[in-house]
Amino acid sequence: MNWMMDRTVRGTMLEWMSDFKRLQVWQKAHALSLCIHRVSTRMRGAGYASIRSQIFRAAMSIPANIAEGRRQKSEKEFARFLGYALNSSLERGPREARGPRP
């Protein structure tokens, strides 16, 4: 039985689609995205605009990719979306720590 069929047999399709919220990795990614949102809104000044935007978009895409991957039809596709989430987390790298250029 494939992964999606196994999921739908045990519960309704709605339950299967929302079960990503039970994943600890999604919960931590969601908490991180909320924290980054709070911090990024405190960054003021034109020099921080692009950094703020990049950090915010990368952080928001992590839980979004996990949720989207969970809705895929196979574990292989889910793993692919987890890779996207990981890449988004790496996008927040050391460049953002430097701040605006003089």
PDB file of N, CA and C in Angstrom:
ATOM      1  N   MET A   1       0.856  -1.164   0.000  1.00  0.00           N
ATOM      2  CA  MET A   1       0.000   0.000   0.000  1.00  0.00           C
ATOM      3  C   MET A   1       0.908   1.234   0.000  1.00  0.00           C
ATOM      4  N   ASN A   2       0.612   2.186  -0.883  1.00  0.00           N
ATOM      5  CA  ASN A   2       1.492   3.349  -0.920  1.00  0.00           C
ATOM      6  C   ASN A   2       1.249   4.256   0.276  1.00  0.00           C
ATOM      7  N   TRP A   3       2.153   5.199   0.455  1.00  0.00           N
ATOM      8  CA  TRP A   3       2.159   6.065   1.638  1.00  0.00           C
ATOM      9  C   TRP A   3       0.879   6.883   1.753  1.00  0.00           C
ATOM     10  N   MET A   4       0.403   7.454   0.640  1.00  0.00           N
ATOM     11  CA  MET A   4      -0.810   8.278   0.686  1.00  0.00           C
ATOM     12  C   MET A   4      -2.046   7.431   0.980  1.00  0.00           C
ATOM     13  N   MET A   5      -2.133   6.280   0.349  1.00  0.00           N
ATOM     14  CA  MET A   5      -3.291   5.407   0.584  1.00  0.00           C
ATOM     15  C   MET A   5      -3.320   4.965   2.046  1.00  0.00           C
ATOM     16  N   ASP A   6      -2.169   4.624   2.591  1.00  0.00           N
ATOM     17  CA  ASP A   6      -2.095   4.211   3.983  1.00  0.00           C
ATOM     18  C   ASP A   6      -2.600   5.327   4.892  1.00  0.00           C
ATOM     19  N   ARG A   7      -2.241   6.568   4.573  1.00  0.00           N
ATOM     20  CA  ARG A   7      -2.674   7.709   5.377  1.00  0.00           C
ATOM     21  C   ARG A   7      -4.181   7.919   5.306  1.00  0.00           C
ATOM     22  N   THR A   8      -4.758   7.795   4.120  1.00  0.00           N
ATOM     23  CA  THR A   8      -6.185   8.071   3.965  1.00  0.00           C
ATOM     24  C   THR A   8      -7.044   6.944   4.517  1.00  0.00           C
ATOM     25  N   VAL A   9      -6.514   5.723   4.561  1.00  0.00           N
ATOM     26  CA  VAL A   9      -7.282   4.605   5.111  1.00  0.00           C
ATOM     27  C   VAL A   9      -7.464   4.778   6.615  1.00  0.00           C
ATOM     28  N   ARG A  10      -6.439   5.273   7.290  1.00  0.00           N
ATOM     29  CA  ARG A  10      -6.495   5.413   8.742  1.00  0.00           C
ATOM     30  C   ARG A  10      -7.297   6.613   9.213  1.00  0.00           C
ATOM     31  N   GLY A  11      -7.533   7.593   8.378  1.00  0.00           N
ATOM     32  CA  GLY A  11      -8.263   8.776   8.791  1.00  0.00           C
ATOM     33  C   GLY A  11      -8.826   9.489   7.575  1.00  0.00           C
ATOM     34  N   THR A  12      -9.492  10.530   7.826  1.00  0.00           N
ATOM     35  CA  THR A  12     -10.054  11.290   6.717  1.00  0.00           C
ATOM     36  C   THR A  12      -8.943  12.030   5.990  1.00  0.00           C
ATOM     37  N   MET A  13      -9.226  12.449   4.769  1.00  0.00           N
ATOM     38  CA  MET A  13      -8.238  13.183   3.989  1.00  0.00           C
ATOM     39  C   MET A  13      -7.853  14.481   4.700  1.00  0.00           C
ATOM     40  N   LEU A  14      -8.812  15.138   5.332  1.00  0.00           N
ATOM     41  CA  LEU A  14      -8.531  16.385   6.043  1.00  0.00           C
ATOM     42  C   LEU A  14      -7.556  16.146   7.190  1.00  0.00           C
ATOM     43  N   GLU A  15      -7.736  15.067   7.926  1.00  0.00           N
ATOM     44  CA  GLU A  15      -6.820  14.742   9.009  1.00  0.00           C
ATOM     45  C   GLU A  15      -5.428  14.488   8.464  1.00  0.00           C
ATOM     46  N   TRP A  16      -5.352  13.772   7.343  1.00  0.00           N
ATOM     47  CA  TRP A  16      -4.058  13.469   6.743  1.00  0.00           C
ATOM     48  C   TRP A  16      -3.354  14.738   6.300  1.00  0.00           C
ATOM     49  N   MET A  17      -4.106  15.671   5.702  1.00  0.00           N
ATOM     50  CA  MET A  17      -3.496  16.888   5.193  1.00  0.00           C
ATOM     51  C   MET A  17      -3.035  17.809   6.318  1.00  0.00           C
ATOM     52  N   SER A  18      -3.676  17.740   7.473  1.00  0.00           N
ATOM     53  CA  SER A  18      -3.295  18.637   8.568  1.00  0.00           C
ATOM     54  C   SER A  18      -2.356  17.970   9.572  1.00  0.00           C
ATOM     55  N   ASP A  19      -1.975  16.732   9.331  1.00  0.00           N
ATOM     56  CA  ASP A  19      -1.127  16.063  10.312  1.00  0.00           C
ATOM     57  C   ASP A  19       0.290  16.613  10.351  1.00  0.00           C
ATOM     58  N   PHE A  20       0.657  17.482   9.413  1.00  0.00           N
ATOM     59  CA  PHE A  20       1.984  18.091   9.467  1.00  0.00           C
ATOM     60  C   PHE A  20       2.145  18.910  10.737  1.00  0.00           C
ATOM     61  N   LYS A  21       1.041  19.396  11.303  1.00  0.00           N
ATOM     62  CA  LYS A  21       1.115  20.199  12.521  1.00  0.00           C
ATOM     63  C   LYS A  21       1.556  19.361  13.722  1.00  0.00           C
ATOM     64  N   ARG A  22       1.461  18.069  13.598  1.00  0.00           N
ATOM     65  CA  ARG A  22       1.898  17.180  14.675  1.00  0.00           C
ATOM     66  C   ARG A  22       3.385  16.857  14.592  1.00  0.00           C
ATOM     67  N   LEU A  23       4.001  17.190  13.466  1.00  0.00           N
ATOM     68  CA  LEU A  23       5.426  16.910  13.300  1.00  0.00           C
ATOM     69  C   LEU A  23       6.246  17.890  14.131  1.00  0.00           C
ATOM     70  N   GLN A  24       7.150  17.370  14.920  1.00  0.00           N
ATOM     71  CA  GLN A  24       7.978  18.216  15.768  1.00  0.00           C
ATOM     72  C   GLN A  24       8.820  19.173  14.923  1.00  0.00           C
ATOM     73  N   VAL A  25       9.287  18.719  13.769  1.00  0.00           N
ATOM     74  CA  VAL A  25      10.091  19.577  12.908  1.00  0.00           C
ATOM     75  C   VAL A  25       9.267  20.771  12.408  1.00  0.00           C
ATOM     76  N   TRP A  26       7.981  20.558  12.094  1.00  0.00           N
ATOM     77  CA  TRP A  26       7.135  21.668  11.657  1.00  0.00           C
ATOM     78  C   TRP A  26       6.877  22.626  12.824  1.00  0.00           C
ATOM     79  N   GLN A  27       6.614  22.081  14.006  1.00  0.00           N
ATOM     80  CA  GLN A  27       6.347  22.917  15.173  1.00  0.00           C
ATOM     81  C   GLN A  27       7.541  23.825  15.477  1.00  0.00           C
ATOM     82  N   LYS A  28       8.750  23.260  15.407  1.00  0.00           N
ATOM     83  CA  LYS A  28       9.944  24.067  15.673  1.00  0.00           C
ATOM     84  C   LYS A  28      10.175  25.089  14.561  1.00  0.00           C
ATOM     85  N   ALA A  29       9.943  24.698  13.315  1.00  0.00           N
ATOM     86  CA  ALA A  29      10.104  25.629  12.197  1.00  0.00           C
ATOM     87  C   ALA A  29       9.084  26.758  12.288  1.00  0.00           C
ATOM     88  N   HIS A  30       7.873  26.438  12.696  1.00  0.00           N
ATOM     89  CA  HIS A  30       6.830  27.450  12.846  1.00  0.00           C
ATOM     90  C   HIS A  30       7.194  28.430  13.959  1.00  0.00           C
ATOM     91  N   ALA A  31       7.672  27.897  15.085  1.00  0.00           N
ATOM     92  CA  ALA A  31       8.091  28.759  16.200  1.00  0.00           C
ATOM     93  C   ALA A  31       9.248  29.658  15.772  1.00  0.00           C
ATOM     94  N   LEU A  32      10.196  29.105  15.018  1.00  0.00           N
ATOM     95  CA  LEU A  32      11.310  29.894  14.512  1.00  0.00           C
ATOM     96  C   LEU A  32      10.822  31.005  13.592  1.00  0.00           C
ATOM     97  N   SER A  33       9.893  30.687  12.711  1.00  0.00           N
ATOM     98  CA  SER A  33       9.398  31.703  11.773  1.00  0.00           C
ATOM     99  C   SER A  33       8.676  32.832  12.518  1.00  0.00           C
ATOM    100  N   LEU A  34       7.943  32.499  13.558  1.00  0.00           N
ATOM    101  CA  LEU A  34       7.272  33.536  14.358  1.00  0.00           C
ATOM    102  C   LEU A  34       8.291  34.416  15.084  1.00  0.00           C
ATOM    103  N   CYS A  35       9.331  33.798  15.610  1.00  0.00           N
ATOM    104  CA  CYS A  35      10.384  34.538  16.301  1.00  0.00           C
ATOM    105  C   CYS A  35      11.113  35.464  15.321  1.00  0.00           C
ATOM    106  N   ILE A  36      11.437  34.955  14.151  1.00  0.00           N
ATOM    107  CA  ILE A  36      12.134  35.766  13.151  1.00  0.00           C
ATOM    108  C   ILE A  36      11.246  36.904  12.680  1.00  0.00           C
ATOM    109  N   HIS A  37       9.961  36.651  12.586  1.00  0.00           N
ATOM    110  CA  HIS A  37       9.047  37.725  12.202  1.00  0.00           C
ATOM    111  C   HIS A  37       9.088  38.854  13.235  1.00  0.00           C
ATOM    112  N   ARG A  38       9.034  38.486  14.519  1.00  0.00           N
ATOM    113  CA  ARG A  38       9.089  39.497  15.584  1.00  0.00           C
ATOM    114  C   ARG A  38      10.396  40.282  15.536  1.00  0.00           C
ATOM    115  N   VAL A  39      11.503  39.581  15.363  1.00  0.00           N
ATOM    116  CA  VAL A  39      12.810  40.237  15.339  1.00  0.00           C
ATOM    117  C   VAL A  39      12.968  41.100  14.095  1.00  0.00           C
ATOM    118  N   SER A  40      12.545  40.591  12.954  1.00  0.00           N
ATOM    119  CA  SER A  40      12.751  41.336  11.707  1.00  0.00           C
ATOM    120  C   SER A  40      11.919  42.617  11.663  1.00  0.00           C
ATOM    121  N   THR A  41      10.793  42.640  12.347  1.00  0.00           N
ATOM    122  CA  THR A  41       9.996  43.872  12.364  1.00  0.00           C
ATOM    123  C   THR A  41      10.668  44.968  13.185  1.00  0.00           C
ATOM    124  N   ARG A  42      11.628  44.592  14.025  1.00  0.00           N
ATOM    125  CA  ARG A  42      12.357  45.586  14.826  1.00  0.00           C
ATOM    126  C   ARG A  42      13.550  46.174  14.082  1.00  0.00           C
ATOM    127  N   MET A  43      13.916  45.567  12.960  1.00  0.00           N
ATOM    128  CA  MET A  43      15.052  46.061  12.170  1.00  0.00           C
ATOM    129  C   MET A  43      14.585  47.292  11.404  1.00  0.00           C
ATOM    130  N   ARG A  44      15.167  48.424  11.719  1.00  0.00           N
ATOM    131  CA  ARG A  44      14.761  49.682  11.103  1.00  0.00           C
ATOM    132  C   ARG A  44      15.865  50.188  10.187  1.00  0.00           C
ATOM    133  N   GLY A  45      15.484  51.011   9.257  1.00  0.00           N
ATOM    134  CA  GLY A  45      16.452  51.663   8.387  1.00  0.00           C
ATOM    135  C   GLY A  45      16.492  51.046   7.008  1.00  0.00           C
ATOM    136  N   ALA A  46      16.784  51.893   6.035  1.00  0.00           N
ATOM    137  CA  ALA A  46      16.820  51.457   4.634  1.00  0.00           C
ATOM    138  C   ALA A  46      17.915  50.422   4.393  1.00  0.00           C
ATOM    139  N   GLY A  47      19.011  50.515   5.131  1.00  0.00           N
ATOM    140  CA  GLY A  47      20.111  49.569   4.953  1.00  0.00           C
ATOM    141  C   GLY A  47      19.756  48.142   5.315  1.00  0.00           C
ATOM    142  N   TYR A  48      18.740  47.971   6.102  1.00  0.00           N
ATOM    143  CA  TYR A  48      18.325  46.639   6.532  1.00  0.00           C
ATOM    144  C   TYR A  48      17.161  46.073   5.702  1.00  0.00           C
ATOM    145  N   ALA A  49      16.610  46.828   4.789  1.00  0.00           N
ATOM    146  CA  ALA A  49      15.394  46.408   4.080  1.00  0.00           C
ATOM    147  C   ALA A  49      15.567  45.089   3.340  1.00  0.00           C
ATOM    148  N   SER A  50      16.624  44.933   2.565  1.00  0.00           N
ATOM    149  CA  SER A  50      16.781  43.700   1.789  1.00  0.00           C
ATOM    150  C   SER A  50      17.119  42.520   2.698  1.00  0.00           C
ATOM    151  N   ILE A  51      17.928  42.771   3.730  1.00  0.00           N
ATOM    152  CA  ILE A  51      18.265  41.703   4.673  1.00  0.00           C
ATOM    153  C   ILE A  51      17.012  41.236   5.408  1.00  0.00           C
ATOM    154  N   ARG A  52      16.232  42.213   5.876  1.00  0.00           N
ATOM    155  CA  ARG A  52      14.992  41.905   6.596  1.00  0.00           C
ATOM    156  C   ARG A  52      14.065  41.076   5.710  1.00  0.00           C
ATOM    157  N   SER A  53      13.920  41.470   4.468  1.00  0.00           N
ATOM    158  CA  SER A  53      13.043  40.760   3.537  1.00  0.00           C
ATOM    159  C   SER A  53      13.529  39.335   3.283  1.00  0.00           C
ATOM    160  N   GLN A  54      14.831  39.169   3.060  1.00  0.00           N
ATOM    161  CA  GLN A  54      15.372  37.841   2.781  1.00  0.00           C
ATOM    162  C   GLN A  54      15.241  36.917   3.984  1.00  0.00           C
ATOM    163  N   ILE A  55      15.563  37.424   5.160  1.00  0.00           N
ATOM    164  CA  ILE A  55      15.450  36.616   6.379  1.00  0.00           C
ATOM    165  C   ILE A  55      13.996  36.198   6.597  1.00  0.00           C
ATOM    166  N   PHE A  56      13.090  37.149   6.432  1.00  0.00           N
ATOM    167  CA  PHE A  56      11.675  36.885   6.643  1.00  0.00           C
ATOM    168  C   PHE A  56      11.155  35.836   5.658  1.00  0.00           C
ATOM    169  N   ARG A  57      11.453  36.005   4.372  1.00  0.00           N
ATOM    170  CA  ARG A  57      10.962  35.058   3.354  1.00  0.00           C
ATOM    171  C   ARG A  57      11.547  33.667   3.562  1.00  0.00           C
ATOM    172  N   ALA A  58      12.830  33.587   3.878  1.00  0.00           N
ATOM    173  CA  ALA A  58      13.463  32.281   4.099  1.00  0.00           C
ATOM    174  C   ALA A  58      12.839  31.583   5.304  1.00  0.00           C
ATOM    175  N   ALA A  59      12.628  32.333   6.386  1.00  0.00           N
ATOM    176  CA  ALA A  59      12.061  31.738   7.597  1.00  0.00           C
ATOM    177  C   ALA A  59      10.627  31.259   7.376  1.00  0.00           C
ATOM    178  N   MET A  60       9.842  32.022   6.631  1.00  0.00           N
ATOM    179  CA  MET A  60       8.457  31.630   6.377  1.00  0.00           C
ATOM    180  C   MET A  60       8.361  30.412   5.451  1.00  0.00           C
ATOM    181  N   SER A  61       9.353  30.245   4.594  1.00  0.00           N
ATOM    182  CA  SER A  61       9.281  29.125   3.652  1.00  0.00           C
ATOM    183  C   SER A  61       9.628  27.779   4.299  1.00  0.00           C
ATOM    184  N   ILE A  62      10.296  27.785   5.442  1.00  0.00           N
ATOM    185  CA  ILE A  62      10.677  26.518   6.088  1.00  0.00           C
ATOM    186  C   ILE A  62       9.436  25.719   6.498  1.00  0.00           C
ATOM    187  N   PRO A  63       8.543  26.241   7.353  1.00  0.00           N
ATOM    188  CA  PRO A  63       7.356  25.453   7.701  1.00  0.00           C
ATOM    189  C   PRO A  63       6.421  25.242   6.510  1.00  0.00           C
ATOM    190  N   ALA A  64       6.410  26.191   5.573  1.00  0.00           N
ATOM    191  CA  ALA A  64       5.555  26.032   4.388  1.00  0.00           C
ATOM    192  C   ALA A  64       6.004  24.843   3.549  1.00  0.00           C
ATOM    193  N   ASN A  65       7.302  24.672   3.382  1.00  0.00           N
ATOM    194  CA  ASN A  65       7.802  23.532   2.613  1.00  0.00           C
ATOM    195  C   ASN A  65       7.550  22.209   3.323  1.00  0.00           C
ATOM    196  N   ILE A  66       7.659  22.206   4.634  1.00  0.00           N
ATOM    197  CA  ILE A  66       7.369  20.984   5.395  1.00  0.00           C
ATOM    198  C   ILE A  66       5.902  20.602   5.219  1.00  0.00           C
ATOM    199  N   ALA A  67       5.013  21.580   5.349  1.00  0.00           N
ATOM    200  CA  ALA A  67       3.579  21.309   5.193  1.00  0.00           C
ATOM    201  C   ALA A  67       3.264  20.846   3.775  1.00  0.00           C
ATOM    202  N   GLU A  68       3.831  21.526   2.783  1.00  0.00           N
ATOM    203  CA  GLU A  68       3.560  21.130   1.397  1.00  0.00           C
ATOM    204  C   GLU A  68       4.102  19.741   1.109  1.00  0.00           C
ATOM    205  N   GLY A  69       5.275  19.434   1.641  1.00  0.00           N
ATOM    206  CA  GLY A  69       5.851  18.107   1.439  1.00  0.00           C
ATOM    207  C   GLY A  69       5.010  17.017   2.065  1.00  0.00           C
ATOM    208  N   ARG A  70       4.415  17.309   3.196  1.00  0.00           N
ATOM    209  CA  ARG A  70       3.582  16.311   3.879  1.00  0.00           C
ATOM    210  C   ARG A  70       2.356  15.941   3.049  1.00  0.00           C
ATOM    211  N   ARG A  71       1.936  16.849   2.178  1.00  0.00           N
ATOM    212  CA  ARG A  71       0.761  16.578   1.338  1.00  0.00           C
ATOM    213  C   ARG A  71       1.107  15.805   0.065  1.00  0.00           C
ATOM    214  N   GLN A  72       2.372  15.482  -0.125  1.00  0.00           N
ATOM    215  CA  GLN A  72       2.783  14.780  -1.337  1.00  0.00           C
ATOM    216  C   GLN A  72       2.401  13.301  -1.267  1.00  0.00           C
ATOM    217  N   LYS A  73       2.518  12.645  -2.407  1.00  0.00           N
ATOM    218  CA  LYS A  73       2.026  11.274  -2.522  1.00  0.00           C
ATOM    219  C   LYS A  73       2.996  10.200  -2.055  1.00  0.00           C
ATOM    220  N   SER A  74       4.240  10.540  -1.860  1.00  0.00           N
ATOM    221  CA  SER A  74       5.209   9.521  -1.446  1.00  0.00           C
ATOM    222  C   SER A  74       6.197  10.090  -0.441  1.00  0.00           C
ATOM    223  N   GLU A  75       6.870   9.180   0.238  1.00  0.00           N
ATOM    224  CA  GLU A  75       7.888   9.594   1.193  1.00  0.00           C
ATOM    225  C   GLU A  75       9.055  10.251   0.468  1.00  0.00           C
ATOM    226  N   LYS A  76       9.350   9.788  -0.745  1.00  0.00           N
ATOM    227  CA  LYS A  76      10.436  10.375  -1.535  1.00  0.00           C
ATOM    228  C   LYS A  76      10.137  11.848  -1.844  1.00  0.00           C
ATOM    229  N   GLU A  77       8.899  12.152  -2.215  1.00  0.00           N
ATOM    230  CA  GLU A  77       8.518  13.538  -2.486  1.00  0.00           C
ATOM    231  C   GLU A  77       8.534  14.365  -1.202  1.00  0.00           C
ATOM    232  N   PHE A  78       8.110  13.763  -0.096  1.00  0.00           N
ATOM    233  CA  PHE A  78       8.154  14.454   1.188  1.00  0.00           C
ATOM    234  C   PHE A  78       9.599  14.813   1.528  1.00  0.00           C
ATOM    235  N   ALA A  79      10.510  13.876   1.325  1.00  0.00           N
ATOM    236  CA  ALA A  79      11.928  14.113   1.591  1.00  0.00           C
ATOM    237  C   ALA A  79      12.468  15.249   0.721  1.00  0.00           C
ATOM    238  N   ARG A  80      11.997  15.334  -0.523  1.00  0.00           N
ATOM    239  CA  ARG A  80      12.425  16.412  -1.415  1.00  0.00           C
ATOM    240  C   ARG A  80      12.038  17.773  -0.835  1.00  0.00           C
ATOM    241  N   PHE A  81      10.818  17.883  -0.315  1.00  0.00           N
ATOM    242  CA  PHE A  81      10.370  19.146   0.281  1.00  0.00           C
ATOM    243  C   PHE A  81      11.087  19.440   1.595  1.00  0.00           C
ATOM    244  N   LEU A  82      11.456  18.401   2.335  1.00  0.00           N
ATOM    245  CA  LEU A  82      12.266  18.624   3.533  1.00  0.00           C
ATOM    246  C   LEU A  82      13.625  19.208   3.143  1.00  0.00           C
ATOM    247  N   GLY A  83      14.138  18.773   1.995  1.00  0.00           N
ATOM    248  CA  GLY A  83      15.376  19.353   1.471  1.00  0.00           C
ATOM    249  C   GLY A  83      15.213  20.822   1.144  1.00  0.00           C
ATOM    250  N   TYR A  84      14.077  21.171   0.559  1.00  0.00           N
ATOM    251  CA  TYR A  84      13.800  22.583   0.276  1.00  0.00           C
ATOM    252  C   TYR A  84      13.759  23.392   1.580  1.00  0.00           C
ATOM    253  N   ALA A  85      13.136  22.823   2.603  1.00  0.00           N
ATOM    254  CA  ALA A  85      13.057  23.508   3.901  1.00  0.00           C
ATOM    255  C   ALA A  85      14.457  23.690   4.488  1.00  0.00           C
ATOM    256  N   LEU A  86      15.282  22.664   4.374  1.00  0.00           N
ATOM    257  CA  LEU A  86      16.650  22.759   4.867  1.00  0.00           C
ATOM    258  C   LEU A  86      17.416  23.849   4.118  1.00  0.00           C
ATOM    259  N   ASN A  87      17.264  23.881   2.798  1.00  0.00           N
ATOM    260  CA  ASN A  87      17.935  24.914   2.015  1.00  0.00           C
ATOM    261  C   ASN A  87      17.468  26.308   2.420  1.00  0.00           C
ATOM    262  N   SER A  88      16.192  26.459   2.715  1.00  0.00           N
ATOM    263  CA  SER A  88      15.681  27.753   3.172  1.00  0.00           C
ATOM    264  C   SER A  88      16.310  28.143   4.501  1.00  0.00           C
ATOM    265  N   SER A  89      16.521  27.168   5.370  1.00  0.00           N
ATOM    266  CA  SER A  89      17.129  27.475   6.663  1.00  0.00           C
ATOM    267  C   SER A  89      18.585  27.898   6.493  1.00  0.00           C
ATOM    268  N   LEU A  90      19.261  27.352   5.501  1.00  0.00           N
ATOM    269  CA  LEU A  90      20.655  27.715   5.253  1.00  0.00           C
ATOM    270  C   LEU A  90      20.777  29.072   4.578  1.00  0.00           C
ATOM    271  N   GLU A  91      19.720  29.528   3.955  1.00  0.00           N
ATOM    272  CA  GLU A  91      19.726  30.817   3.265  1.00  0.00           C
ATOM    273  C   GLU A  91      19.882  31.982   4.236  1.00  0.00           C
ATOM    274  N   ARG A  92      19.583  31.775   5.500  1.00  0.00           N
ATOM    275  CA  ARG A  92      19.695  32.834   6.500  1.00  0.00           C
ATOM    276  C   ARG A  92      21.116  32.984   6.989  1.00  0.00           C
ATOM    277  N   GLY A  93      22.096  32.457   6.302  1.00  0.00           N
ATOM    278  CA  GLY A  93      23.487  32.362   6.704  1.00  0.00           C
ATOM    279  C   GLY A  93      24.164  33.596   7.266  1.00  0.00           C
ATOM    280  N   PRO A  94      25.477  33.568   7.299  1.00  0.00           N
ATOM    281  CA  PRO A  94      26.248  34.608   7.978  1.00  0.00           C
ATOM    282  C   PRO A  94      26.151  35.983   7.331  1.00  0.00           C
ATOM    283  N   ARG A  95      25.761  36.064   6.075  1.00  0.00           N
ATOM    284  CA  ARG A  95      25.665  37.348   5.407  1.00  0.00           C
ATOM    285  C   ARG A  95      24.724  38.293   6.157  1.00  0.00           C
ATOM    286  N   GLU A  96      23.637  37.752   6.700  1.00  0.00           N
ATOM    287  CA  GLU A  96      22.661  38.566   7.400  1.00  0.00           C
ATOM    288  C   GLU A  96      23.208  39.110   8.722  1.00  0.00           C
ATOM    289  N   ALA A  97      24.183  38.447   9.292  1.00  0.00           N
ATOM    290  CA  ALA A  97      24.720  38.866  10.574  1.00  0.00           C
ATOM    291  C   ALA A  97      25.571  40.123  10.461  1.00  0.00           C
ATOM    292  N   ARG A  98      26.047  40.424   9.274  1.00  0.00           N
ATOM    293  CA  ARG A  98      26.926  41.577   9.092  1.00  0.00           C
ATOM    294  C   ARG A  98      26.198  42.909   9.169  1.00  0.00           C
ATOM    295  N   GLY A  99      24.936  42.928   8.842  1.00  0.00           N
ATOM    296  CA  GLY A  99      24.194  44.186   8.853  1.00  0.00           C
ATOM    297  C   GLY A  99      24.402  44.955   7.566  1.00  0.00           C
ATOM    298  N   PRO A 100      23.940  46.187   7.533  1.00  0.00           N
ATOM    299  CA  PRO A 100      24.036  46.975   6.298  1.00  0.00           C
ATOM    300  C   PRO A 100      25.471  47.383   6.012  1.00  0.00           C
ATOM    301  N   ARG A 101      25.779  47.530   4.743  1.00  0.00           N
ATOM    302  CA  ARG A 101      27.111  47.978   4.343  1.00  0.00           C
ATOM    303  C   ARG A 101      27.182  49.502   4.455  1.00  0.00           C
ATOM    304  N   PRO A 102      28.341  50.003   4.894  1.00  0.00           N
ATOM    305  CA  PRO A 102      28.477  51.466   5.034  1.00  0.00           C
ATOM    306  C   PRO A 102      28.487  52.159   3.683  1.00  0.00           C
TER     307      PRO A 102
END
